[in-house]
Amino acid sequence: MKLIFLTLCTVLEILNRRHSNNSSKRLLPKGIYKQIRK
């Protein structure tokens, strides 16, 4: 399960970097990242 969360995090980070210029940088709230890191 941890591998799935890590892959999702990496993909989300890449998407955030690509769309940071167009849309807002905060696509997901910080609460979700805190829950995933736990």
C-alpha atoms as a PDB file:
ATOM      1  CA  MET A   1       0.000   0.000   0.000  1.00  0.00           C
ATOM      2  CA  LYS A   2       2.855   2.409   0.758  1.00  0.00           C
ATOM      3  CA  LEU A   3       4.190   2.037  -2.787  1.00  0.00           C
ATOM      4  CA  ILE A   4       0.811   3.099  -4.178  1.00  0.00           C
ATOM      5  CA  PHE A   5       0.732   6.230  -2.000  1.00  0.00           C
ATOM      6  CA  LEU A   6       4.314   7.095  -2.937  1.00  0.00           C
ATOM      7  CA  THR A   7       3.553   6.755  -6.651  1.00  0.00           C
ATOM      8  CA  LEU A   8       0.456   8.916  -6.242  1.00  0.00           C
ATOM      9  CA  CYS A   9       2.483  11.552  -4.400  1.00  0.00           C
ATOM     10  CA  THR A  10       5.158  11.618  -7.093  1.00  0.00           C
ATOM     11  CA  VAL A  11       2.578  11.846  -9.881  1.00  0.00           C
ATOM     12  CA  LEU A  12       0.690  14.592  -8.052  1.00  0.00           C
ATOM     13  CA  GLU A  13       3.924  16.523  -7.541  1.00  0.00           C
ATOM     14  CA  ILE A  14       4.762  16.265 -11.254  1.00  0.00           C
ATOM     15  CA  LEU A  15       1.251  17.386 -12.198  1.00  0.00           C
ATOM     16  CA  ASN A  16       1.481  20.278  -9.740  1.00  0.00           C
ATOM     17  CA  ARG A  17       4.772  21.391 -11.288  1.00  0.00           C
ATOM     18  CA  ARG A  18       3.381  21.177 -14.832  1.00  0.00           C
ATOM     19  CA  HIS A  19       0.132  22.998 -14.040  1.00  0.00           C
ATOM     20  CA  SER A  20       1.600  25.404 -11.477  1.00  0.00           C
ATOM     21  CA  ASN A  21       1.679  28.139 -14.134  1.00  0.00           C
ATOM     22  CA  ASN A  22      -1.919  27.636 -15.281  1.00  0.00           C
ATOM     23  CA  SER A  23      -3.849  26.656 -12.162  1.00  0.00           C
ATOM     24  CA  SER A  24      -3.247  27.310  -8.493  1.00  0.00           C
ATOM     25  CA  LYS A  25      -0.395  25.415  -6.856  1.00  0.00           C
ATOM     26  CA  ARG A  26      -2.696  24.011  -4.173  1.00  0.00           C
ATOM     27  CA  LEU A  27      -4.636  21.328  -6.042  1.00  0.00           C
ATOM     28  CA  LEU A  28      -4.950  19.249  -2.858  1.00  0.00           C
ATOM     29  CA  PRO A  29      -5.195  20.412   0.752  1.00  0.00           C
ATOM     30  CA  LYS A  30      -2.209  19.858   3.031  1.00  0.00           C
ATOM     31  CA  GLY A  31      -4.333  17.573   5.229  1.00  0.00           C
ATOM     32  CA  ILE A  32      -4.255  14.842   2.579  1.00  0.00           C
ATOM     33  CA  TYR A  33      -0.451  14.972   2.372  1.00  0.00           C
ATOM     34  CA  LYS A  34      -0.236  14.721   6.178  1.00  0.00           C
ATOM     35  CA  GLN A  35      -2.505  11.662   6.166  1.00  0.00           C
ATOM     36  CA  ILE A  36      -0.455  10.016   3.405  1.00  0.00           C
ATOM     37  CA  ARG A  37       2.844  10.698   5.188  1.00  0.00           C
ATOM     38  CA  LYS A  38       1.520   8.947   8.301  1.00  0.00           C
END
